[in-house]
Amino acid sequence: MVQPRVRQLPRLQLEPVPHPELCWGSGSFFGRGYFTREAVEEIHTLLDQKFAAAGAKIDRYYVCPHHPEDNCDCRKPKPKSLLDAAAKYGLNLAQCFMIGDRASDIQCGRNAGTRTVLVLTGAGKETLTEGDVKPDSVATDISAAANWILQSPAATSQAGVESVRDR
């Protein structure tokens, strides 16, 4: 069961919101037969409700449904889905941020040309101690990541934010 920590999200009063909020996940659970697409859509609905209650909105979910051994183009750390999102939403990826707790999240952001934030929730502490990842910033949680992003120069030039949980 997904237990999003939506309470940690700061209530950002950006009117109008200058960028889409996008969420990525590597859904190998499809390819492995653990979950159905309907179950994942139910999780997205739950997330939408929790984010809405916190004053936030996810504009689009990107999920790779393939088994890790399929070597598809949409599985992180390959940047295809980020590049597709950039084309769809007119994003300048150099002004976007990839937030994640796994090396594949950070590498995906780097491969797409975004700035990256490793959060220490989920698998983040383990990812950091492995030392295989070089994010632009390390944050204790998503709230701290959002605060860092809002203080960065890119945030004042209508940057996009891509939030990720690689589960």
N, C-alpha and C. Protein backbone atom coordinates (compact mmCIF):
# COMPACT_ATOMS: atom_id res chain seq x y z
N MET A 1 0.83 -1.18 0.00
CA MET A 1 0.00 0.00 0.00
C MET A 1 0.87 1.24 0.00
N VAL A 2 0.57 2.16 -0.84
CA VAL A 2 1.31 3.42 -0.91
C VAL A 2 0.84 4.32 0.21
N GLN A 3 1.77 4.84 0.97
CA GLN A 3 1.47 5.78 2.05
C GLN A 3 2.15 7.11 1.74
N PRO A 4 1.57 7.94 0.86
CA PRO A 4 2.22 9.19 0.51
C PRO A 4 2.29 10.12 1.71
N ARG A 5 3.39 10.84 1.80
CA ARG A 5 3.59 11.78 2.89
C ARG A 5 3.23 13.18 2.41
N VAL A 6 1.99 13.30 2.00
CA VAL A 6 1.52 14.55 1.43
C VAL A 6 1.56 15.68 2.44
N ARG A 7 1.40 15.38 3.73
CA ARG A 7 1.43 16.42 4.75
C ARG A 7 2.74 17.19 4.71
N GLN A 8 3.79 16.58 4.20
CA GLN A 8 5.09 17.25 4.16
C GLN A 8 5.18 18.28 3.04
N LEU A 9 4.28 18.20 2.08
CA LEU A 9 4.35 19.14 0.96
C LEU A 9 3.99 20.54 1.43
N PRO A 10 4.83 21.50 1.10
CA PRO A 10 4.47 22.87 1.47
C PRO A 10 3.31 23.33 0.60
N ARG A 11 2.48 24.17 1.14
CA ARG A 11 1.38 24.73 0.35
C ARG A 11 1.96 25.89 -0.45
N LEU A 12 2.23 25.60 -1.69
CA LEU A 12 2.86 26.60 -2.55
C LEU A 12 1.78 27.46 -3.17
N GLN A 13 1.85 28.72 -2.95
CA GLN A 13 0.86 29.64 -3.49
C GLN A 13 1.41 30.29 -4.75
N LEU A 14 1.48 29.52 -5.82
CA LEU A 14 1.98 30.02 -7.09
C LEU A 14 0.77 30.25 -8.00
N GLU A 15 0.37 31.46 -8.20
CA GLU A 15 -0.79 31.79 -9.01
C GLU A 15 -0.36 32.64 -10.18
N PRO A 16 -0.60 32.25 -11.41
CA PRO A 16 -1.02 30.91 -11.78
C PRO A 16 0.16 29.95 -11.72
N VAL A 17 -0.11 28.68 -11.59
CA VAL A 17 0.96 27.69 -11.54
C VAL A 17 1.66 27.69 -12.89
N PRO A 18 2.96 27.97 -12.92
CA PRO A 18 3.66 28.16 -14.18
C PRO A 18 4.15 26.86 -14.84
N HIS A 19 3.86 25.71 -14.24
CA HIS A 19 4.42 24.48 -14.77
C HIS A 19 3.54 23.29 -14.39
N PRO A 20 3.61 22.23 -15.16
CA PRO A 20 2.86 21.03 -14.77
C PRO A 20 3.60 20.26 -13.69
N GLU A 21 2.85 19.57 -12.85
CA GLU A 21 3.42 18.66 -11.86
C GLU A 21 3.27 17.26 -12.43
N LEU A 22 4.38 16.56 -12.57
CA LEU A 22 4.39 15.25 -13.21
C LEU A 22 4.98 14.23 -12.26
N CYS A 23 4.54 12.99 -12.36
CA CYS A 23 4.99 11.94 -11.46
C CYS A 23 5.41 10.72 -12.28
N TRP A 24 6.60 10.19 -11.97
CA TRP A 24 7.12 9.02 -12.66
C TRP A 24 7.21 7.83 -11.73
N GLY A 25 7.03 6.65 -12.29
CA GLY A 25 7.23 5.43 -11.53
C GLY A 25 7.65 4.32 -12.46
N SER A 26 8.52 3.47 -12.00
CA SER A 26 8.89 2.29 -12.79
C SER A 26 7.97 1.17 -12.38
N GLY A 27 7.03 0.87 -13.22
CA GLY A 27 5.99 -0.09 -12.88
C GLY A 27 6.31 -1.51 -13.28
N SER A 28 7.48 -2.01 -12.93
CA SER A 28 7.80 -3.39 -13.29
C SER A 28 6.84 -4.37 -12.64
N PHE A 29 6.05 -3.88 -11.68
CA PHE A 29 5.04 -4.74 -11.07
C PHE A 29 4.02 -5.20 -12.09
N PHE A 30 3.83 -4.44 -13.20
CA PHE A 30 2.98 -4.92 -14.29
C PHE A 30 3.63 -6.13 -14.95
N GLY A 31 4.87 -5.91 -15.40
CA GLY A 31 5.59 -6.96 -16.10
C GLY A 31 5.82 -8.20 -15.25
N ARG A 32 5.91 -8.02 -13.96
CA ARG A 32 6.11 -9.15 -13.05
C ARG A 32 4.79 -9.79 -12.62
N GLY A 33 3.67 -9.15 -12.97
CA GLY A 33 2.36 -9.70 -12.64
C GLY A 33 1.91 -9.44 -11.21
N TYR A 34 2.52 -8.49 -10.50
CA TYR A 34 2.16 -8.21 -9.12
C TYR A 34 0.88 -7.38 -9.01
N PHE A 35 0.68 -6.44 -9.95
CA PHE A 35 -0.46 -5.54 -9.92
C PHE A 35 -1.09 -5.46 -11.30
N THR A 36 -2.37 -5.12 -11.32
CA THR A 36 -3.05 -4.84 -12.58
C THR A 36 -2.99 -3.34 -12.83
N ARG A 37 -3.23 -2.94 -14.05
CA ARG A 37 -3.29 -1.52 -14.38
C ARG A 37 -4.39 -0.84 -13.57
N GLU A 38 -5.50 -1.55 -13.36
CA GLU A 38 -6.60 -0.98 -12.58
C GLU A 38 -6.18 -0.67 -11.14
N ALA A 39 -5.39 -1.55 -10.55
CA ALA A 39 -4.91 -1.31 -9.18
C ALA A 39 -4.03 -0.07 -9.13
N VAL A 40 -3.18 0.11 -10.13
CA VAL A 40 -2.31 1.29 -10.16
C VAL A 40 -3.14 2.55 -10.37
N GLU A 41 -4.16 2.47 -11.21
CA GLU A 41 -5.04 3.63 -11.40
C GLU A 41 -5.77 3.99 -10.10
N GLU A 42 -6.13 2.99 -9.31
CA GLU A 42 -6.74 3.25 -7.99
C GLU A 42 -5.75 3.96 -7.07
N ILE A 43 -4.49 3.56 -7.12
CA ILE A 43 -3.46 4.23 -6.32
C ILE A 43 -3.31 5.68 -6.77
N HIS A 44 -3.32 5.91 -8.09
CA HIS A 44 -3.22 7.28 -8.60
C HIS A 44 -4.41 8.12 -8.13
N THR A 45 -5.60 7.52 -8.12
CA THR A 45 -6.79 8.24 -7.64
C THR A 45 -6.62 8.62 -6.17
N LEU A 46 -6.12 7.68 -5.36
CA LEU A 46 -5.87 7.97 -3.95
C LEU A 46 -4.84 9.09 -3.80
N LEU A 47 -3.77 9.01 -4.59
CA LEU A 47 -2.76 10.07 -4.54
C LEU A 47 -3.36 11.41 -4.94
N ASP A 48 -4.18 11.42 -6.00
CA ASP A 48 -4.82 12.67 -6.42
C ASP A 48 -5.64 13.27 -5.29
N GLN A 49 -6.39 12.43 -4.57
CA GLN A 49 -7.21 12.92 -3.46
C GLN A 49 -6.35 13.49 -2.35
N LYS A 50 -5.27 12.79 -2.01
CA LYS A 50 -4.40 13.25 -0.93
C LYS A 50 -3.66 14.54 -1.32
N PHE A 51 -3.20 14.60 -2.57
CA PHE A 51 -2.53 15.83 -3.02
C PHE A 51 -3.51 16.99 -3.06
N ALA A 52 -4.74 16.75 -3.52
CA ALA A 52 -5.75 17.80 -3.58
C ALA A 52 -6.04 18.34 -2.18
N ALA A 53 -6.11 17.46 -1.20
CA ALA A 53 -6.35 17.88 0.18
C ALA A 53 -5.22 18.75 0.71
N ALA A 54 -4.02 18.58 0.15
CA ALA A 54 -2.86 19.38 0.56
C ALA A 54 -2.65 20.59 -0.34
N GLY A 55 -3.57 20.81 -1.27
CA GLY A 55 -3.47 21.97 -2.15
C GLY A 55 -2.55 21.77 -3.33
N ALA A 56 -2.31 20.52 -3.71
CA ALA A 56 -1.42 20.23 -4.84
C ALA A 56 -2.16 19.37 -5.86
N LYS A 57 -1.59 19.26 -7.04
CA LYS A 57 -2.21 18.48 -8.11
C LYS A 57 -1.14 17.85 -8.98
N ILE A 58 -1.32 16.59 -9.29
CA ILE A 58 -0.44 15.91 -10.26
C ILE A 58 -1.15 15.98 -11.61
N ASP A 59 -0.50 16.58 -12.60
CA ASP A 59 -1.11 16.74 -13.91
C ASP A 59 -1.07 15.45 -14.74
N ARG A 60 -0.04 14.66 -14.54
CA ARG A 60 0.08 13.43 -15.34
C ARG A 60 1.00 12.45 -14.63
N TYR A 61 0.63 11.18 -14.68
CA TYR A 61 1.46 10.10 -14.16
C TYR A 61 2.11 9.39 -15.34
N TYR A 62 3.39 9.12 -15.23
CA TYR A 62 4.11 8.33 -16.22
C TYR A 62 4.55 7.05 -15.54
N VAL A 63 4.16 5.91 -16.08
CA VAL A 63 4.52 4.62 -15.50
C VAL A 63 5.05 3.72 -16.60
N CYS A 64 6.21 3.16 -16.39
CA CYS A 64 6.77 2.16 -17.30
C CYS A 64 6.18 0.81 -16.90
N PRO A 65 5.42 0.16 -17.77
CA PRO A 65 4.78 -1.10 -17.41
C PRO A 65 5.61 -2.34 -17.69
N HIS A 66 6.85 -2.15 -18.10
CA HIS A 66 7.66 -3.27 -18.57
C HIS A 66 8.47 -3.94 -17.46
N HIS A 67 8.81 -5.17 -17.70
CA HIS A 67 9.72 -5.92 -16.82
C HIS A 67 11.11 -5.31 -16.99
N PRO A 68 11.89 -5.24 -15.91
CA PRO A 68 13.24 -4.64 -16.02
C PRO A 68 14.11 -5.27 -17.11
N GLU A 69 13.92 -6.54 -17.39
CA GLU A 69 14.75 -7.21 -18.39
C GLU A 69 14.28 -6.95 -19.82
N ASP A 70 13.16 -6.24 -20.00
CA ASP A 70 12.67 -5.92 -21.34
C ASP A 70 13.53 -4.89 -22.06
N ASN A 71 14.36 -4.15 -21.31
CA ASN A 71 15.25 -3.14 -21.88
C ASN A 71 14.48 -2.12 -22.73
N CYS A 72 13.34 -1.67 -22.21
CA CYS A 72 12.52 -0.71 -22.94
C CYS A 72 13.13 0.69 -22.84
N ASP A 73 12.60 1.60 -23.62
CA ASP A 73 13.09 2.98 -23.62
C ASP A 73 12.43 3.85 -22.55
N CYS A 74 11.34 3.36 -21.94
CA CYS A 74 10.62 4.21 -20.99
C CYS A 74 10.98 3.95 -19.53
N ARG A 75 11.86 3.01 -19.28
CA ARG A 75 12.24 2.69 -17.89
C ARG A 75 13.43 3.54 -17.47
N LYS A 76 13.29 4.15 -16.29
CA LYS A 76 14.42 4.91 -15.75
C LYS A 76 15.60 3.96 -15.54
N PRO A 77 16.81 4.37 -15.84
CA PRO A 77 17.27 5.76 -15.99
C PRO A 77 17.24 6.31 -17.41
N LYS A 78 16.67 5.58 -18.36
CA LYS A 78 16.55 6.15 -19.70
C LYS A 78 15.60 7.34 -19.66
N PRO A 79 15.89 8.40 -20.41
CA PRO A 79 15.13 9.63 -20.27
C PRO A 79 13.94 9.78 -21.22
N LYS A 80 13.56 8.75 -21.96
CA LYS A 80 12.53 8.91 -22.98
C LYS A 80 11.25 9.55 -22.47
N SER A 81 10.74 9.10 -21.33
CA SER A 81 9.47 9.66 -20.86
C SER A 81 9.63 11.12 -20.43
N LEU A 82 10.79 11.51 -19.91
CA LEU A 82 11.02 12.91 -19.58
C LEU A 82 11.10 13.75 -20.84
N LEU A 83 11.77 13.21 -21.86
CA LEU A 83 11.86 13.93 -23.13
C LEU A 83 10.48 14.06 -23.78
N ASP A 84 9.67 13.00 -23.69
CA ASP A 84 8.30 13.05 -24.21
C ASP A 84 7.48 14.10 -23.47
N ALA A 85 7.61 14.14 -22.13
CA ALA A 85 6.89 15.13 -21.33
C ALA A 85 7.33 16.54 -21.68
N ALA A 86 8.62 16.72 -21.89
CA ALA A 86 9.13 18.05 -22.26
C ALA A 86 8.50 18.52 -23.57
N ALA A 87 8.40 17.60 -24.54
CA ALA A 87 7.80 17.95 -25.82
C ALA A 87 6.31 18.26 -25.65
N LYS A 88 5.61 17.43 -24.88
CA LYS A 88 4.16 17.60 -24.69
C LYS A 88 3.82 18.91 -23.97
N TYR A 89 4.58 19.24 -22.94
CA TYR A 89 4.26 20.39 -22.11
C TYR A 89 5.13 21.62 -22.40
N GLY A 90 6.03 21.53 -23.38
CA GLY A 90 6.87 22.66 -23.74
C GLY A 90 7.86 23.03 -22.64
N LEU A 91 8.41 22.02 -21.98
CA LEU A 91 9.33 22.25 -20.86
C LEU A 91 10.77 22.39 -21.34
N ASN A 92 11.48 23.29 -20.72
CA ASN A 92 12.92 23.39 -20.89
C ASN A 92 13.52 22.54 -19.77
N LEU A 93 14.01 21.35 -20.10
CA LEU A 93 14.48 20.42 -19.07
C LEU A 93 15.64 20.96 -18.24
N ALA A 94 16.39 21.90 -18.78
CA ALA A 94 17.46 22.51 -17.99
C ALA A 94 16.90 23.33 -16.83
N GLN A 95 15.62 23.68 -16.90
CA GLN A 95 14.97 24.43 -15.82
C GLN A 95 14.03 23.55 -15.02
N CYS A 96 14.11 22.23 -15.21
CA CYS A 96 13.24 21.30 -14.49
C CYS A 96 14.03 20.54 -13.43
N PHE A 97 13.30 19.91 -12.54
CA PHE A 97 13.90 19.18 -11.44
C PHE A 97 13.34 17.77 -11.39
N MET A 98 14.20 16.82 -11.13
CA MET A 98 13.80 15.43 -10.92
C MET A 98 14.07 15.12 -9.46
N ILE A 99 13.03 14.72 -8.74
CA ILE A 99 13.15 14.38 -7.32
C ILE A 99 12.97 12.88 -7.20
N GLY A 100 13.86 12.20 -6.49
CA GLY A 100 13.70 10.76 -6.33
C GLY A 100 14.53 10.22 -5.19
N ASP A 101 14.29 8.94 -4.89
CA ASP A 101 15.01 8.30 -3.78
C ASP A 101 15.92 7.18 -4.26
N ARG A 102 16.04 7.00 -5.55
CA ARG A 102 16.88 5.92 -6.09
C ARG A 102 17.86 6.48 -7.12
N ALA A 103 18.94 5.74 -7.30
CA ALA A 103 19.96 6.15 -8.27
C ALA A 103 19.36 6.27 -9.67
N SER A 104 18.42 5.40 -10.02
CA SER A 104 17.81 5.46 -11.35
C SER A 104 17.03 6.75 -11.54
N ASP A 105 16.43 7.29 -10.49
CA ASP A 105 15.73 8.57 -10.58
C ASP A 105 16.71 9.69 -10.91
N ILE A 106 17.80 9.73 -10.15
CA ILE A 106 18.78 10.80 -10.32
C ILE A 106 19.46 10.68 -11.68
N GLN A 107 19.82 9.47 -12.07
CA GLN A 107 20.47 9.29 -13.37
C GLN A 107 19.52 9.63 -14.51
N CYS A 108 18.25 9.30 -14.36
CA CYS A 108 17.26 9.66 -15.38
C CYS A 108 17.20 11.18 -15.55
N GLY A 109 17.14 11.89 -14.43
CA GLY A 109 17.14 13.34 -14.50
C GLY A 109 18.39 13.88 -15.16
N ARG A 110 19.53 13.34 -14.79
CA ARG A 110 20.80 13.76 -15.42
C ARG A 110 20.79 13.47 -16.92
N ASN A 111 20.32 12.27 -17.28
CA ASN A 111 20.27 11.88 -18.69
C ASN A 111 19.37 12.80 -19.51
N ALA A 112 18.35 13.36 -18.86
CA ALA A 112 17.43 14.26 -19.56
C ALA A 112 17.88 15.72 -19.48
N GLY A 113 18.87 16.01 -18.64
CA GLY A 113 19.36 17.38 -18.52
C GLY A 113 18.66 18.20 -17.45
N THR A 114 17.96 17.54 -16.49
CA THR A 114 17.32 18.28 -15.41
C THR A 114 18.28 18.43 -14.24
N ARG A 115 17.91 19.27 -13.30
CA ARG A 115 18.60 19.31 -12.02
C ARG A 115 17.97 18.23 -11.16
N THR A 116 18.70 17.70 -10.20
CA THR A 116 18.23 16.53 -9.47
C THR A 116 18.30 16.73 -7.96
N VAL A 117 17.32 16.11 -7.27
CA VAL A 117 17.29 16.14 -5.81
C VAL A 117 17.05 14.71 -5.32
N LEU A 118 17.95 14.24 -4.49
CA LEU A 118 17.78 12.94 -3.84
C LEU A 118 17.11 13.18 -2.50
N VAL A 119 15.94 12.54 -2.29
CA VAL A 119 15.28 12.63 -0.99
C VAL A 119 15.68 11.43 -0.15
N LEU A 120 15.86 11.66 1.14
CA LEU A 120 16.35 10.62 2.04
C LEU A 120 15.22 9.75 2.61
N THR A 121 14.01 9.94 2.14
CA THR A 121 12.90 9.06 2.51
C THR A 121 12.92 7.84 1.59
N GLY A 122 12.11 6.84 1.88
CA GLY A 122 12.10 5.64 1.06
C GLY A 122 13.48 5.00 1.04
N ALA A 123 14.03 4.79 -0.14
CA ALA A 123 15.34 4.16 -0.30
C ALA A 123 16.47 5.19 -0.36
N GLY A 124 16.17 6.47 -0.11
CA GLY A 124 17.15 7.53 -0.29
C GLY A 124 18.41 7.42 0.55
N LYS A 125 18.27 7.04 1.82
CA LYS A 125 19.46 6.91 2.67
C LYS A 125 20.38 5.81 2.15
N GLU A 126 19.80 4.70 1.77
CA GLU A 126 20.59 3.60 1.20
C GLU A 126 21.25 4.03 -0.11
N THR A 127 20.50 4.73 -0.95
CA THR A 127 21.05 5.22 -2.22
C THR A 127 22.24 6.13 -1.97
N LEU A 128 22.13 7.02 -0.99
CA LEU A 128 23.21 7.95 -0.69
C LEU A 128 24.45 7.22 -0.18
N THR A 129 24.28 6.23 0.69
CA THR A 129 25.44 5.52 1.23
C THR A 129 26.11 4.64 0.19
N GLU A 130 25.37 4.20 -0.83
CA GLU A 130 26.00 3.42 -1.90
C GLU A 130 26.98 4.26 -2.70
N GLY A 131 26.76 5.57 -2.73
CA GLY A 131 27.71 6.48 -3.36
C GLY A 131 27.74 6.47 -4.87
N ASP A 132 26.77 5.83 -5.51
CA ASP A 132 26.76 5.74 -6.97
C ASP A 132 26.04 6.91 -7.63
N VAL A 133 25.58 7.85 -6.86
CA VAL A 133 24.74 8.91 -7.39
C VAL A 133 25.28 10.28 -7.00
N LYS A 134 25.17 11.22 -7.90
CA LYS A 134 25.65 12.58 -7.67
C LYS A 134 24.53 13.58 -7.96
N PRO A 135 23.58 13.71 -7.02
CA PRO A 135 22.49 14.66 -7.24
C PRO A 135 22.98 16.10 -7.07
N ASP A 136 22.20 17.04 -7.56
CA ASP A 136 22.51 18.46 -7.35
C ASP A 136 22.24 18.86 -5.91
N SER A 137 21.30 18.17 -5.27
CA SER A 137 20.97 18.46 -3.88
C SER A 137 20.49 17.19 -3.20
N VAL A 138 20.67 17.12 -1.89
CA VAL A 138 20.13 16.04 -1.07
C VAL A 138 19.19 16.69 -0.07
N ALA A 139 17.97 16.15 0.04
CA ALA A 139 16.96 16.72 0.93
C ALA A 139 16.43 15.65 1.87
N THR A 140 16.09 16.05 3.08
CA THR A 140 15.58 15.09 4.06
C THR A 140 14.24 14.50 3.63
N ASP A 141 13.42 15.27 2.93
CA ASP A 141 12.11 14.80 2.49
C ASP A 141 11.64 15.68 1.33
N ILE A 142 10.43 15.41 0.83
CA ILE A 142 9.94 16.15 -0.33
C ILE A 142 9.69 17.62 -0.01
N SER A 143 9.33 17.92 1.23
CA SER A 143 9.13 19.31 1.62
C SER A 143 10.45 20.09 1.54
N ALA A 144 11.52 19.50 2.05
CA ALA A 144 12.83 20.14 1.97
C ALA A 144 13.28 20.26 0.51
N ALA A 145 12.97 19.26 -0.30
CA ALA A 145 13.30 19.34 -1.73
C ALA A 145 12.56 20.50 -2.40
N ALA A 146 11.27 20.64 -2.09
CA ALA A 146 10.48 21.74 -2.65
C ALA A 146 11.04 23.08 -2.21
N ASN A 147 11.43 23.19 -0.95
CA ASN A 147 12.01 24.45 -0.47
C ASN A 147 13.31 24.78 -1.21
N TRP A 148 14.16 23.77 -1.43
CA TRP A 148 15.41 23.99 -2.16
C TRP A 148 15.11 24.44 -3.58
N ILE A 149 14.15 23.78 -4.21
CA ILE A 149 13.79 24.14 -5.59
C ILE A 149 13.29 25.57 -5.67
N LEU A 150 12.44 25.96 -4.73
CA LEU A 150 11.89 27.32 -4.75
C LEU A 150 12.95 28.39 -4.51
N GLN A 151 14.04 28.02 -3.87
CA GLN A 151 15.14 28.96 -3.64
C GLN A 151 16.13 29.01 -4.80
N SER A 152 16.00 28.08 -5.74
CA SER A 152 16.96 28.03 -6.84
C SER A 152 16.59 29.05 -7.90
N PRO A 153 17.57 29.53 -8.66
CA PRO A 153 17.30 30.51 -9.71
C PRO A 153 16.30 30.00 -10.75
N ALA A 154 16.31 28.71 -11.06
CA ALA A 154 15.41 28.17 -12.07
C ALA A 154 13.95 28.31 -11.65
N ALA A 155 13.67 28.28 -10.35
CA ALA A 155 12.29 28.37 -9.87
C ALA A 155 11.67 29.72 -10.19
N THR A 156 12.49 30.75 -10.29
CA THR A 156 11.96 32.07 -10.61
C THR A 156 11.81 32.28 -12.10
N SER A 157 12.20 31.29 -12.90
CA SER A 157 12.05 31.42 -14.35
C SER A 157 11.09 30.36 -14.89
N GLN A 158 10.04 30.05 -14.13
CA GLN A 158 8.97 29.15 -14.53
C GLN A 158 9.46 27.74 -14.83
N ALA A 159 10.18 27.17 -13.90
CA ALA A 159 10.69 25.80 -14.05
C ALA A 159 9.59 24.79 -13.81
N GLY A 160 9.78 23.58 -14.36
CA GLY A 160 8.89 22.47 -14.08
C GLY A 160 9.47 21.62 -12.97
N VAL A 161 8.62 20.85 -12.33
CA VAL A 161 9.04 19.97 -11.25
C VAL A 161 8.54 18.58 -11.56
N GLU A 162 9.42 17.63 -11.61
CA GLU A 162 9.03 16.24 -11.81
C GLU A 162 9.27 15.48 -10.52
N SER A 163 8.23 15.02 -9.89
CA SER A 163 8.34 14.30 -8.64
C SER A 163 8.29 12.80 -8.91
N VAL A 164 9.08 12.07 -8.18
CA VAL A 164 9.23 10.66 -8.50
C VAL A 164 9.25 9.80 -7.26
N ARG A 165 8.69 8.63 -7.34
CA ARG A 165 8.90 7.53 -6.40
C ARG A 165 9.11 6.30 -7.27
N ASP A 166 10.23 5.70 -7.16
CA ASP A 166 10.54 4.53 -7.97
C ASP A 166 10.18 3.29 -7.16
N ARG A 167 8.97 2.85 -7.27
CA ARG A 167 8.48 1.70 -6.52
C ARG A 167 8.00 0.63 -7.46
